[in-house]
């Protein structure tokens, strides 16, 4: 009995409840993932110029209206979830690319190039453009998400920028991050991928800015 209890604690009833809760949570996660993927696919299909209807999203996800409203208060809430997930993915990718090593200037360059990849990669560009286009309707939420993304990216740039001698590394890192994001958005909405010359110009310009703000 003691050995059995060590492997799986609780009464039979408690264990049955835990299995049921785990099953419900697994189903909920699958439903939310299906709705988000369907929503994103429809946004990309519409080019970010028209938002998909809830009816279209649930049909594409193979779910019902009841299922949708069980998880989201409305379409704006779904868009917010997609925007948040995208922002987290971008911030994580930038950190990963900057963590690959090298000197401070090389790490700053890697971060800028990683941000610009959202406009340089055709698939990422289509997804990012569509999400940003649909996010304009949720003004307060999208503004806060943009601020959160900028702050997260600035944190990644702060270390190498400080190593480069910036007198105010927090402000300098924020300027690098927001400038790179603005350049990325320019190319996104122009629907033109930045070429190597554009990338090198942006990197050189921002690194020169950091150098000019040195102690």
N, C-alpha and C. Protein backbone atom coordinates (compact mmCIF):
# COMPACT_ATOMS: atom_id res chain seq x y z
N UNK A 1 0.84 -1.20 0.00
CA UNK A 1 0.00 0.00 0.00
C UNK A 1 0.87 1.25 0.00
N UNK A 2 1.91 1.25 0.87
CA UNK A 2 2.75 2.43 0.95
C UNK A 2 3.43 2.73 -0.38
N UNK A 3 3.90 1.67 -1.06
CA UNK A 3 4.58 1.86 -2.34
C UNK A 3 3.61 2.38 -3.38
N UNK A 4 2.38 1.84 -3.40
CA UNK A 4 1.36 2.28 -4.35
C UNK A 4 1.02 3.74 -4.09
N UNK A 5 0.86 4.10 -2.80
CA UNK A 5 0.52 5.47 -2.46
C UNK A 5 1.61 6.43 -2.86
N UNK A 6 2.87 5.96 -2.82
CA UNK A 6 3.97 6.82 -3.22
C UNK A 6 3.96 7.11 -4.70
N UNK A 7 3.49 6.12 -5.48
CA UNK A 7 3.45 6.32 -6.92
C UNK A 7 2.32 7.26 -7.32
N UNK A 8 1.20 7.17 -6.71
CA UNK A 8 0.04 8.00 -7.07
C UNK A 8 -0.75 8.29 -5.81
N UNK A 9 -0.57 9.47 -5.26
CA UNK A 9 -1.17 9.82 -3.98
C UNK A 9 -2.65 10.15 -4.14
N UNK A 10 -3.37 10.02 -3.03
CA UNK A 10 -4.79 10.39 -2.99
C UNK A 10 -5.69 9.19 -3.13
N UNK A 11 -6.96 9.43 -2.79
CA UNK A 11 -7.96 8.37 -2.92
C UNK A 11 -8.30 8.14 -4.38
N UNK A 12 -9.03 7.06 -4.64
CA UNK A 12 -9.45 6.78 -6.01
C UNK A 12 -10.28 7.94 -6.56
N UNK A 13 -11.14 8.52 -5.72
CA UNK A 13 -11.97 9.64 -6.15
C UNK A 13 -11.13 10.86 -6.51
N UNK A 14 -10.12 11.14 -5.66
CA UNK A 14 -9.25 12.30 -5.92
C UNK A 14 -8.45 12.10 -7.20
N UNK A 15 -7.98 10.89 -7.41
CA UNK A 15 -7.23 10.61 -8.62
C UNK A 15 -8.10 10.71 -9.86
N UNK A 16 -9.36 10.30 -9.73
CA UNK A 16 -10.30 10.41 -10.85
C UNK A 16 -10.55 11.87 -11.19
N UNK A 17 -10.66 12.72 -10.15
CA UNK A 17 -10.85 14.16 -10.38
C UNK A 17 -9.64 14.74 -11.10
N UNK A 18 -8.45 14.36 -10.65
CA UNK A 18 -7.23 14.90 -11.28
C UNK A 18 -7.15 14.49 -12.74
N UNK A 19 -7.52 13.24 -13.05
CA UNK A 19 -7.48 12.81 -14.44
C UNK A 19 -8.48 13.60 -15.28
N UNK A 20 -9.68 13.86 -14.69
CA UNK A 20 -10.70 14.63 -15.41
C UNK A 20 -10.24 16.06 -15.65
N UNK A 21 -9.64 16.68 -14.64
CA UNK A 21 -9.15 18.06 -14.77
C UNK A 21 -8.06 18.13 -15.84
N UNK A 22 -7.16 17.14 -15.81
CA UNK A 22 -6.07 17.12 -16.80
C UNK A 22 -6.64 16.97 -18.20
N UNK A 23 -7.68 16.12 -18.34
CA UNK A 23 -8.30 15.91 -19.65
C UNK A 23 -8.97 17.18 -20.15
N UNK A 24 -9.69 17.88 -19.24
CA UNK A 24 -10.37 19.12 -19.62
C UNK A 24 -9.34 20.18 -20.03
N UNK A 25 -8.26 20.27 -19.28
CA UNK A 25 -7.22 21.26 -19.59
C UNK A 25 -6.57 20.96 -20.94
N UNK A 26 -6.32 19.69 -21.21
CA UNK A 26 -5.72 19.30 -22.47
C UNK A 26 -6.64 19.66 -23.64
N UNK A 27 -7.94 19.41 -23.46
CA UNK A 27 -8.91 19.74 -24.50
C UNK A 27 -8.97 21.25 -24.70
N UNK A 28 -8.97 22.01 -23.61
CA UNK A 28 -9.03 23.47 -23.69
C UNK A 28 -7.80 24.01 -24.43
N UNK A 29 -6.63 23.48 -24.12
CA UNK A 29 -5.41 23.94 -24.78
C UNK A 29 -5.46 23.65 -26.28
N UNK A 30 -5.98 22.48 -26.64
CA UNK A 30 -6.10 22.12 -28.05
C UNK A 30 -7.09 23.03 -28.76
N UNK A 31 -8.22 23.34 -28.10
CA UNK A 31 -9.23 24.22 -28.70
C UNK A 31 -8.68 25.62 -28.92
N UNK A 32 -8.01 26.16 -27.91
CA UNK A 32 -7.46 27.52 -28.01
C UNK A 32 -6.40 27.56 -29.11
N UNK A 33 -5.55 26.53 -29.17
CA UNK A 33 -4.54 26.48 -30.22
C UNK A 33 -5.19 26.44 -31.60
N UNK A 34 -6.24 25.65 -31.75
CA UNK A 34 -6.94 25.55 -33.04
C UNK A 34 -7.57 26.88 -33.44
N UNK A 35 -8.17 27.58 -32.48
CA UNK A 35 -8.79 28.89 -32.76
C UNK A 35 -7.74 29.92 -33.14
N UNK A 36 -6.61 29.93 -32.43
CA UNK A 36 -5.56 30.90 -32.73
C UNK A 36 -4.94 30.63 -34.10
N UNK A 37 -4.70 29.37 -34.41
CA UNK A 37 -4.12 29.03 -35.70
C UNK A 37 -5.08 29.37 -36.84
N UNK A 38 -6.37 29.08 -36.63
CA UNK A 38 -7.38 29.39 -37.65
C UNK A 38 -7.50 30.90 -37.83
N UNK A 39 -7.51 31.63 -36.71
CA UNK A 39 -7.61 33.09 -36.77
C UNK A 39 -6.43 33.69 -37.52
N UNK A 40 -5.22 33.23 -37.22
CA UNK A 40 -4.03 33.74 -37.87
C UNK A 40 -4.06 33.42 -39.37
N UNK A 41 -4.42 32.19 -39.72
CA UNK A 41 -4.47 31.80 -41.13
C UNK A 41 -5.46 32.67 -41.91
N UNK A 42 -6.60 32.95 -41.32
CA UNK A 42 -7.61 33.78 -41.99
C UNK A 42 -7.15 35.24 -42.09
N UNK A 43 -6.43 35.72 -41.07
CA UNK A 43 -5.89 37.08 -41.13
C UNK A 43 -4.88 37.20 -42.28
N UNK A 44 -4.01 36.19 -42.40
CA UNK A 44 -3.02 36.19 -43.47
C UNK A 44 -3.73 36.13 -44.82
N UNK A 45 -4.75 35.31 -44.92
CA UNK A 45 -5.52 35.18 -46.16
C UNK A 45 -6.14 36.51 -46.56
N UNK A 46 -6.58 37.28 -45.55
CA UNK A 46 -7.18 38.58 -45.83
C UNK A 46 -6.16 39.69 -45.96
N UNK A 47 -4.88 39.36 -45.79
CA UNK A 47 -3.82 40.35 -45.95
C UNK A 47 -3.80 41.40 -44.87
N UNK A 48 -4.51 41.17 -43.76
CA UNK A 48 -4.54 42.15 -42.68
C UNK A 48 -5.47 43.31 -42.95
N UNK A 49 -6.13 43.29 -44.13
CA UNK A 49 -7.00 44.41 -44.49
C UNK A 49 -8.44 44.21 -44.05
N UNK A 50 -8.80 42.98 -43.77
CA UNK A 50 -10.15 42.73 -43.28
C UNK A 50 -10.07 41.64 -42.21
N UNK A 51 -10.75 41.87 -41.13
CA UNK A 51 -10.72 40.91 -40.05
C UNK A 51 -11.68 39.76 -40.30
N UNK A 52 -11.27 38.54 -39.99
CA UNK A 52 -12.18 37.40 -40.17
C UNK A 52 -13.32 37.45 -39.16
N UNK A 53 -14.47 36.93 -39.54
CA UNK A 53 -15.61 36.86 -38.62
C UNK A 53 -15.41 35.68 -37.68
N UNK A 54 -16.03 35.77 -36.52
CA UNK A 54 -15.96 34.67 -35.56
C UNK A 54 -16.48 33.39 -36.20
N UNK A 55 -17.56 33.52 -36.99
CA UNK A 55 -18.14 32.34 -37.65
C UNK A 55 -17.12 31.67 -38.57
N UNK A 56 -16.31 32.48 -39.28
CA UNK A 56 -15.28 31.93 -40.17
C UNK A 56 -14.19 31.23 -39.36
N UNK A 57 -13.83 31.84 -38.23
CA UNK A 57 -12.75 31.28 -37.40
C UNK A 57 -13.16 29.93 -36.83
N UNK A 58 -14.37 29.84 -36.26
CA UNK A 58 -14.78 28.57 -35.65
C UNK A 58 -14.97 27.50 -36.72
N UNK A 59 -15.43 27.90 -37.90
CA UNK A 59 -15.60 26.92 -38.98
C UNK A 59 -14.24 26.36 -39.39
N UNK A 60 -13.24 27.25 -39.53
CA UNK A 60 -11.91 26.81 -39.92
C UNK A 60 -11.26 25.95 -38.84
N UNK A 61 -11.59 26.24 -37.58
CA UNK A 61 -11.02 25.48 -36.46
C UNK A 61 -11.77 24.17 -36.21
N UNK A 62 -12.93 24.02 -36.84
CA UNK A 62 -13.73 22.82 -36.61
C UNK A 62 -14.41 22.81 -35.26
N UNK A 63 -14.71 24.01 -34.74
CA UNK A 63 -15.35 24.14 -33.43
C UNK A 63 -16.66 24.89 -33.57
N UNK A 64 -17.27 25.21 -32.45
CA UNK A 64 -18.57 25.90 -32.46
C UNK A 64 -18.43 27.30 -31.87
N UNK A 65 -19.47 28.13 -32.07
CA UNK A 65 -19.49 29.46 -31.46
C UNK A 65 -19.39 29.36 -29.95
N UNK A 66 -20.08 28.37 -29.38
CA UNK A 66 -20.03 28.18 -27.93
C UNK A 66 -18.60 27.92 -27.47
N UNK A 67 -17.87 27.13 -28.23
CA UNK A 67 -16.48 26.84 -27.88
C UNK A 67 -15.65 28.11 -27.91
N UNK A 68 -15.87 28.93 -28.94
CA UNK A 68 -15.10 30.18 -29.07
C UNK A 68 -15.33 31.07 -27.85
N UNK A 69 -16.59 31.31 -27.51
CA UNK A 69 -16.90 32.23 -26.42
C UNK A 69 -16.63 31.63 -25.04
N UNK A 70 -16.33 30.34 -25.00
CA UNK A 70 -15.92 29.73 -23.74
C UNK A 70 -14.51 30.22 -23.37
N UNK A 71 -13.73 30.55 -24.39
CA UNK A 71 -12.34 30.95 -24.16
C UNK A 71 -12.06 32.43 -24.39
N UNK A 72 -12.81 33.05 -25.29
CA UNK A 72 -12.55 34.44 -25.66
C UNK A 72 -13.83 35.26 -25.58
N UNK A 73 -13.70 36.50 -25.06
CA UNK A 73 -14.87 37.37 -24.93
C UNK A 73 -15.35 37.85 -26.30
N UNK A 74 -14.47 37.87 -27.27
CA UNK A 74 -14.81 38.32 -28.61
C UNK A 74 -13.60 38.21 -29.51
N UNK A 75 -13.74 38.67 -30.76
CA UNK A 75 -12.65 38.56 -31.72
C UNK A 75 -11.43 39.36 -31.28
N UNK A 76 -11.65 40.53 -30.68
CA UNK A 76 -10.51 41.34 -30.23
C UNK A 76 -9.67 40.61 -29.20
N UNK A 77 -10.32 39.82 -28.36
CA UNK A 77 -9.58 39.05 -27.34
C UNK A 77 -8.73 37.97 -28.01
N UNK A 78 -9.24 37.37 -29.08
CA UNK A 78 -8.46 36.39 -29.82
C UNK A 78 -7.26 37.06 -30.49
N UNK A 79 -7.51 38.22 -31.12
CA UNK A 79 -6.42 38.96 -31.76
C UNK A 79 -5.35 39.32 -30.74
N UNK A 80 -5.80 39.76 -29.55
CA UNK A 80 -4.85 40.11 -28.49
C UNK A 80 -3.98 38.92 -28.12
N UNK A 81 -4.58 37.74 -28.04
CA UNK A 81 -3.83 36.53 -27.69
C UNK A 81 -2.81 36.21 -28.78
N UNK A 82 -3.20 36.38 -30.04
CA UNK A 82 -2.30 36.11 -31.15
C UNK A 82 -1.15 37.12 -31.16
N UNK A 83 -1.48 38.40 -30.93
CA UNK A 83 -0.46 39.45 -30.88
C UNK A 83 0.53 39.17 -29.75
N UNK A 84 -0.01 38.81 -28.58
CA UNK A 84 0.86 38.53 -27.44
C UNK A 84 1.79 37.36 -27.73
N UNK A 85 1.25 36.30 -28.31
CA UNK A 85 2.09 35.14 -28.61
C UNK A 85 3.17 35.51 -29.62
N UNK A 86 2.79 36.32 -30.63
CA UNK A 86 3.77 36.75 -31.62
C UNK A 86 4.86 37.60 -31.01
N UNK A 87 4.47 38.51 -30.11
CA UNK A 87 5.45 39.38 -29.45
C UNK A 87 6.42 38.56 -28.61
N UNK A 88 5.90 37.57 -27.88
CA UNK A 88 6.76 36.71 -27.07
C UNK A 88 7.72 35.92 -27.95
N UNK A 89 7.22 35.46 -29.10
CA UNK A 89 8.07 34.69 -30.01
C UNK A 89 9.19 35.56 -30.57
N UNK A 90 8.87 36.80 -30.96
CA UNK A 90 9.89 37.70 -31.49
C UNK A 90 10.95 37.99 -30.43
N UNK A 91 10.50 38.34 -29.22
CA UNK A 91 11.44 38.65 -28.14
C UNK A 91 12.33 37.46 -27.83
N UNK A 92 11.74 36.27 -27.80
CA UNK A 92 12.52 35.06 -27.53
C UNK A 92 13.52 34.77 -28.63
N UNK A 93 13.11 34.97 -29.88
CA UNK A 93 14.01 34.73 -31.01
C UNK A 93 15.18 35.70 -30.98
N UNK A 94 14.90 36.98 -30.68
CA UNK A 94 15.95 37.99 -30.61
C UNK A 94 16.95 37.62 -29.51
N UNK A 95 16.44 37.25 -28.33
CA UNK A 95 17.34 36.85 -27.23
C UNK A 95 18.21 35.67 -27.64
N UNK A 96 17.58 34.69 -28.30
CA UNK A 96 18.33 33.50 -28.72
C UNK A 96 19.45 33.87 -29.68
N UNK A 97 19.16 34.73 -30.66
CA UNK A 97 20.17 35.11 -31.64
C UNK A 97 21.30 35.92 -30.99
N UNK A 98 20.96 36.74 -29.99
CA UNK A 98 21.97 37.55 -29.32
C UNK A 98 22.81 36.73 -28.35
N UNK A 99 22.28 35.60 -27.92
CA UNK A 99 22.99 34.75 -26.96
C UNK A 99 24.00 33.82 -27.63
N UNK A 100 24.11 33.91 -28.95
CA UNK A 100 25.01 32.98 -29.65
C UNK A 100 26.48 33.35 -29.46
N UNK A 101 26.74 34.49 -28.82
CA UNK A 101 28.12 34.85 -28.51
C UNK A 101 28.64 35.97 -29.39
N UNK A 102 29.94 36.24 -29.25
CA UNK A 102 30.56 37.32 -29.99
C UNK A 102 30.71 38.56 -29.13
N UNK A 103 31.33 39.59 -29.69
CA UNK A 103 31.51 40.83 -28.97
C UNK A 103 30.21 41.61 -28.86
N UNK A 104 30.26 42.73 -28.15
CA UNK A 104 29.05 43.53 -27.92
C UNK A 104 28.44 44.01 -29.23
N UNK A 105 29.28 44.52 -30.15
CA UNK A 105 28.76 45.03 -31.42
C UNK A 105 28.13 43.90 -32.23
N UNK A 106 28.74 42.72 -32.21
CA UNK A 106 28.20 41.57 -32.94
C UNK A 106 26.84 41.15 -32.37
N UNK A 107 26.70 41.23 -31.04
CA UNK A 107 25.42 40.85 -30.42
C UNK A 107 24.33 41.86 -30.74
N UNK A 108 24.68 43.15 -30.76
CA UNK A 108 23.70 44.17 -31.14
C UNK A 108 23.27 43.94 -32.59
N UNK A 109 24.24 43.66 -33.45
CA UNK A 109 23.92 43.40 -34.86
C UNK A 109 22.99 42.19 -34.99
N UNK A 110 23.29 41.13 -34.25
CA UNK A 110 22.47 39.92 -34.32
C UNK A 110 21.03 40.23 -33.89
N UNK A 111 20.87 41.06 -32.87
CA UNK A 111 19.53 41.42 -32.42
C UNK A 111 18.77 42.22 -33.44
N UNK A 112 19.42 43.18 -34.07
CA UNK A 112 18.77 44.01 -35.08
C UNK A 112 18.36 43.16 -36.28
N UNK A 113 19.26 42.30 -36.73
CA UNK A 113 18.96 41.42 -37.87
C UNK A 113 17.80 40.48 -37.53
N UNK A 114 17.75 40.01 -36.28
CA UNK A 114 16.66 39.12 -35.86
C UNK A 114 15.32 39.85 -35.90
N UNK A 115 15.30 41.10 -35.48
CA UNK A 115 14.06 41.89 -35.55
C UNK A 115 13.65 42.07 -37.01
N UNK A 116 14.61 42.43 -37.86
CA UNK A 116 14.31 42.68 -39.27
C UNK A 116 13.90 41.41 -40.01
N UNK A 117 14.22 40.25 -39.45
CA UNK A 117 13.82 38.99 -40.09
C UNK A 117 12.30 38.89 -40.21
N UNK A 118 11.57 39.58 -39.32
CA UNK A 118 10.11 39.56 -39.38
C UNK A 118 9.61 40.15 -40.69
N UNK A 119 10.43 41.03 -41.30
CA UNK A 119 10.07 41.61 -42.59
C UNK A 119 10.80 40.95 -43.75
N UNK A 120 11.95 40.33 -43.45
CA UNK A 120 12.78 39.73 -44.50
C UNK A 120 12.28 38.35 -44.92
N UNK A 121 11.74 37.60 -43.96
CA UNK A 121 11.24 36.26 -44.24
C UNK A 121 9.79 36.37 -44.74
N UNK A 122 9.50 35.84 -45.92
CA UNK A 122 8.19 36.03 -46.56
C UNK A 122 7.04 35.53 -45.69
N UNK A 123 7.18 34.34 -45.10
CA UNK A 123 6.11 33.77 -44.29
C UNK A 123 5.90 34.59 -43.02
N UNK A 124 7.01 34.91 -42.34
CA UNK A 124 6.90 35.72 -41.12
C UNK A 124 6.32 37.09 -41.43
N UNK A 125 6.73 37.68 -42.56
CA UNK A 125 6.24 39.00 -42.93
C UNK A 125 4.74 38.99 -43.15
N UNK A 126 4.25 37.97 -43.83
CA UNK A 126 2.81 37.88 -44.09
C UNK A 126 2.03 37.75 -42.79
N UNK A 127 2.54 36.92 -41.87
CA UNK A 127 1.86 36.73 -40.59
C UNK A 127 1.90 37.99 -39.74
N UNK A 128 3.09 38.61 -39.66
CA UNK A 128 3.24 39.81 -38.82
C UNK A 128 2.41 40.95 -39.37
N UNK A 129 2.41 41.14 -40.69
CA UNK A 129 1.63 42.20 -41.31
C UNK A 129 0.14 42.00 -41.05
N UNK A 130 -0.32 40.77 -41.16
CA UNK A 130 -1.74 40.48 -40.95
C UNK A 130 -2.15 40.73 -39.51
N UNK A 131 -1.32 40.31 -38.57
CA UNK A 131 -1.64 40.50 -37.15
C UNK A 131 -1.65 41.98 -36.79
N UNK A 132 -0.62 42.71 -37.25
CA UNK A 132 -0.55 44.15 -36.95
C UNK A 132 -1.74 44.88 -37.56
N UNK A 133 -2.13 44.48 -38.77
CA UNK A 133 -3.27 45.11 -39.41
C UNK A 133 -4.55 44.89 -38.64
N UNK A 134 -4.74 43.71 -38.12
CA UNK A 134 -5.95 43.40 -37.35
C UNK A 134 -5.90 43.97 -35.94
N UNK A 135 -4.69 44.22 -35.45
CA UNK A 135 -4.55 44.72 -34.08
C UNK A 135 -4.94 46.18 -33.95
N UNK A 136 -5.05 46.90 -35.08
CA UNK A 136 -5.36 48.33 -35.00
C UNK A 136 -6.72 48.58 -34.39
N UNK A 137 -7.63 47.62 -34.46
CA UNK A 137 -8.97 47.82 -33.91
C UNK A 137 -8.98 47.74 -32.38
N UNK A 138 -7.97 47.10 -31.81
CA UNK A 138 -7.90 46.96 -30.35
C UNK A 138 -6.85 47.93 -29.82
N UNK A 139 -7.10 49.23 -30.03
CA UNK A 139 -6.09 50.27 -29.84
C UNK A 139 -5.36 50.19 -28.50
N UNK A 140 -6.11 50.13 -27.38
CA UNK A 140 -5.46 50.13 -26.07
C UNK A 140 -4.59 48.88 -25.90
N UNK A 141 -5.13 47.74 -26.27
CA UNK A 141 -4.38 46.50 -26.13
C UNK A 141 -3.15 46.46 -27.01
N UNK A 142 -3.28 46.92 -28.27
CA UNK A 142 -2.14 46.87 -29.17
C UNK A 142 -1.06 47.85 -28.75
N UNK A 143 -1.45 49.02 -28.21
CA UNK A 143 -0.46 49.97 -27.73
C UNK A 143 0.34 49.38 -26.58
N UNK A 144 -0.36 48.76 -25.64
CA UNK A 144 0.33 48.18 -24.49
C UNK A 144 1.24 47.04 -24.92
N UNK A 145 0.78 46.23 -25.90
CA UNK A 145 1.60 45.13 -26.39
C UNK A 145 2.86 45.65 -27.06
N UNK A 146 2.74 46.77 -27.81
CA UNK A 146 3.90 47.36 -28.47
C UNK A 146 4.90 47.85 -27.44
N UNK A 147 4.41 48.46 -26.36
CA UNK A 147 5.30 48.94 -25.30
C UNK A 147 6.00 47.77 -24.62
N UNK A 148 5.24 46.71 -24.34
CA UNK A 148 5.81 45.53 -23.69
C UNK A 148 6.89 44.89 -24.55
N UNK A 149 6.63 44.78 -25.87
CA UNK A 149 7.62 44.21 -26.78
C UNK A 149 8.88 45.07 -26.80
N UNK A 150 8.70 46.39 -26.91
CA UNK A 150 9.85 47.29 -26.96
C UNK A 150 10.69 47.18 -25.69
N UNK A 151 10.02 47.09 -24.54
CA UNK A 151 10.75 46.99 -23.28
C UNK A 151 11.50 45.66 -23.18
N UNK A 152 10.87 44.59 -23.65
CA UNK A 152 11.52 43.29 -23.62
C UNK A 152 12.75 43.28 -24.53
N UNK A 153 12.62 43.86 -25.73
CA UNK A 153 13.76 43.92 -26.65
C UNK A 153 14.85 44.82 -26.09
N UNK A 154 14.45 45.92 -25.47
CA UNK A 154 15.44 46.84 -24.89
C UNK A 154 16.26 46.14 -23.81
N UNK A 155 15.63 45.28 -23.02
CA UNK A 155 16.35 44.53 -21.99
C UNK A 155 17.45 43.67 -22.62
N UNK A 156 17.14 43.09 -23.79
CA UNK A 156 18.14 42.25 -24.46
C UNK A 156 19.32 43.08 -24.96
N UNK A 157 19.05 44.31 -25.41
CA UNK A 157 20.11 45.16 -25.95
C UNK A 157 20.92 45.87 -24.85
N UNK A 158 20.36 45.99 -23.65
CA UNK A 158 20.98 46.81 -22.61
C UNK A 158 22.40 46.36 -22.27
N UNK A 159 22.62 45.05 -22.15
CA UNK A 159 23.94 44.54 -21.77
C UNK A 159 25.02 44.91 -22.77
N UNK A 160 24.87 44.50 -24.04
CA UNK A 160 25.91 44.83 -25.02
C UNK A 160 26.05 46.33 -25.26
N UNK A 161 24.96 47.07 -25.17
CA UNK A 161 25.03 48.53 -25.35
C UNK A 161 25.86 49.15 -24.22
N UNK A 162 25.69 48.64 -23.00
CA UNK A 162 26.49 49.11 -21.87
C UNK A 162 27.97 48.80 -22.10
N UNK A 163 28.24 47.61 -22.64
CA UNK A 163 29.62 47.23 -22.93
C UNK A 163 30.25 48.15 -23.96
N UNK A 164 29.42 48.69 -24.85
CA UNK A 164 29.92 49.60 -25.88
C UNK A 164 30.14 51.00 -25.32
N UNK A 165 29.82 51.21 -24.04
CA UNK A 165 30.15 52.46 -23.38
C UNK A 165 29.07 53.51 -23.36
N UNK A 166 27.81 53.15 -23.66
CA UNK A 166 26.73 54.13 -23.64
C UNK A 166 26.59 54.73 -22.24
N UNK A 167 26.48 56.05 -22.18
CA UNK A 167 26.35 56.72 -20.88
C UNK A 167 25.05 56.36 -20.19
N UNK A 168 24.00 56.19 -20.98
CA UNK A 168 22.69 55.79 -20.45
C UNK A 168 22.25 54.55 -21.21
N UNK A 169 22.74 53.37 -20.80
CA UNK A 169 22.48 52.15 -21.57
C UNK A 169 21.01 51.79 -21.69
N UNK A 170 20.21 52.11 -20.67
CA UNK A 170 18.78 51.79 -20.73
C UNK A 170 18.11 52.58 -21.84
N UNK A 171 18.39 53.89 -21.88
CA UNK A 171 17.78 54.73 -22.93
C UNK A 171 18.33 54.37 -24.31
N UNK A 172 19.64 54.13 -24.38
CA UNK A 172 20.25 53.77 -25.67
C UNK A 172 19.69 52.45 -26.19
N UNK A 173 19.53 51.47 -25.29
CA UNK A 173 18.99 50.16 -25.69
C UNK A 173 17.55 50.30 -26.18
N UNK A 174 16.76 51.14 -25.50
CA UNK A 174 15.38 51.36 -25.92
C UNK A 174 15.34 52.03 -27.30
N UNK A 175 16.26 52.95 -27.54
CA UNK A 175 16.30 53.62 -28.84
C UNK A 175 16.66 52.64 -29.95
N UNK A 176 17.64 51.77 -29.69
CA UNK A 176 18.02 50.75 -30.68
C UNK A 176 16.83 49.85 -30.97
N UNK A 177 16.17 49.37 -29.92
CA UNK A 177 15.05 48.44 -30.08
C UNK A 177 13.90 49.07 -30.85
N UNK A 178 13.48 50.26 -30.44
CA UNK A 178 12.32 50.90 -31.09
C UNK A 178 12.65 51.32 -32.53
N UNK A 179 13.90 51.72 -32.78
CA UNK A 179 14.30 52.09 -34.14
C UNK A 179 14.26 50.87 -35.06
N UNK A 180 14.76 49.74 -34.56
CA UNK A 180 14.76 48.52 -35.36
C UNK A 180 13.33 48.05 -35.62
N UNK A 181 12.46 48.14 -34.62
CA UNK A 181 11.06 47.74 -34.80
C UNK A 181 10.37 48.66 -35.81
N UNK A 182 10.65 49.97 -35.74
CA UNK A 182 10.05 50.91 -36.69
C UNK A 182 10.51 50.62 -38.11
N UNK A 183 11.80 50.30 -38.27
CA UNK A 183 12.31 49.95 -39.60
C UNK A 183 11.67 48.68 -40.11
N UNK A 184 11.49 47.71 -39.21
CA UNK A 184 10.84 46.46 -39.59
C UNK A 184 9.40 46.71 -40.05
N UNK A 185 8.67 47.55 -39.31
CA UNK A 185 7.29 47.84 -39.68
C UNK A 185 7.21 48.59 -41.01
N UNK A 186 8.17 49.48 -41.26
CA UNK A 186 8.20 50.21 -42.54
C UNK A 186 8.26 49.22 -43.70
N UNK A 187 9.19 48.26 -43.62
CA UNK A 187 9.33 47.28 -44.69
C UNK A 187 8.12 46.35 -44.77
N UNK A 188 7.55 46.03 -43.61
CA UNK A 188 6.36 45.18 -43.60
C UNK A 188 5.23 45.80 -44.39
N UNK A 189 4.90 47.05 -44.05
CA UNK A 189 3.74 47.68 -44.67
C UNK A 189 4.03 48.18 -46.07
N UNK A 190 5.31 48.34 -46.41
CA UNK A 190 5.67 48.63 -47.80
C UNK A 190 5.65 47.35 -48.62
N UNK A 191 5.60 46.22 -47.90
CA UNK A 191 5.62 44.88 -48.52
C UNK A 191 6.87 44.71 -49.38
N UNK A 192 7.98 45.10 -48.78
CA UNK A 192 9.27 45.00 -49.45
C UNK A 192 10.31 44.51 -48.45
N UNK A 193 10.89 43.36 -48.72
CA UNK A 193 11.89 42.80 -47.80
C UNK A 193 13.15 43.64 -47.82
N UNK A 194 13.74 43.92 -46.66
CA UNK A 194 15.00 44.67 -46.62
C UNK A 194 16.13 43.83 -47.21
N UNK A 195 16.96 44.45 -48.06
CA UNK A 195 18.09 43.71 -48.61
C UNK A 195 19.31 43.86 -47.68
N UNK A 196 20.41 43.26 -48.07
CA UNK A 196 21.60 43.26 -47.22
C UNK A 196 22.12 44.67 -46.98
N UNK A 197 22.06 45.50 -48.02
CA UNK A 197 22.52 46.89 -47.87
C UNK A 197 21.69 47.64 -46.84
N UNK A 198 20.36 47.42 -46.87
CA UNK A 198 19.47 48.07 -45.90
C UNK A 198 19.81 47.63 -44.49
N UNK A 199 20.03 46.33 -44.33
CA UNK A 199 20.36 45.80 -43.01
C UNK A 199 21.68 46.39 -42.50
N UNK A 200 22.69 46.41 -43.36
CA UNK A 200 23.99 46.92 -42.95
C UNK A 200 23.92 48.41 -42.61
N UNK A 201 23.13 49.16 -43.40
CA UNK A 201 22.98 50.58 -43.12
C UNK A 201 22.33 50.79 -41.75
N UNK A 202 21.26 50.04 -41.47
CA UNK A 202 20.56 50.16 -40.19
C UNK A 202 21.48 49.81 -39.03
N UNK A 203 22.20 48.69 -39.15
CA UNK A 203 23.11 48.28 -38.08
C UNK A 203 24.19 49.33 -37.85
N UNK A 204 24.80 49.80 -38.93
CA UNK A 204 25.87 50.80 -38.81
C UNK A 204 25.36 52.09 -38.19
N UNK A 205 24.17 52.50 -38.63
CA UNK A 205 23.58 53.75 -38.13
C UNK A 205 23.31 53.66 -36.63
N UNK A 206 22.71 52.56 -36.19
CA UNK A 206 22.37 52.42 -34.78
C UNK A 206 23.62 52.23 -33.92
N UNK A 207 24.60 51.50 -34.41
CA UNK A 207 25.84 51.34 -33.65
C UNK A 207 26.57 52.69 -33.53
N UNK A 208 26.51 53.49 -34.60
CA UNK A 208 27.11 54.83 -34.55
C UNK A 208 26.40 55.69 -33.52
N UNK A 209 25.08 55.53 -33.44
CA UNK A 209 24.32 56.27 -32.45
C UNK A 209 24.71 55.90 -31.03
N UNK A 210 24.91 54.60 -30.80
CA UNK A 210 25.34 54.14 -29.48
C UNK A 210 26.72 54.72 -29.16
N UNK A 211 27.61 54.70 -30.16
CA UNK A 211 28.97 55.22 -29.94
C UNK A 211 28.95 56.71 -29.61
N UNK A 212 28.04 57.44 -30.27
CA UNK A 212 27.97 58.89 -30.02
C UNK A 212 27.44 59.21 -28.64
N UNK A 213 26.75 58.23 -28.03
CA UNK A 213 26.20 58.43 -26.68
C UNK A 213 27.11 57.84 -25.61
N UNK A 214 28.36 57.53 -26.00
CA UNK A 214 29.30 56.93 -25.04
C UNK A 214 29.70 57.94 -23.97
N UNK A 215 30.16 57.39 -22.85
CA UNK A 215 30.55 58.23 -21.72
C UNK A 215 31.69 59.18 -22.12
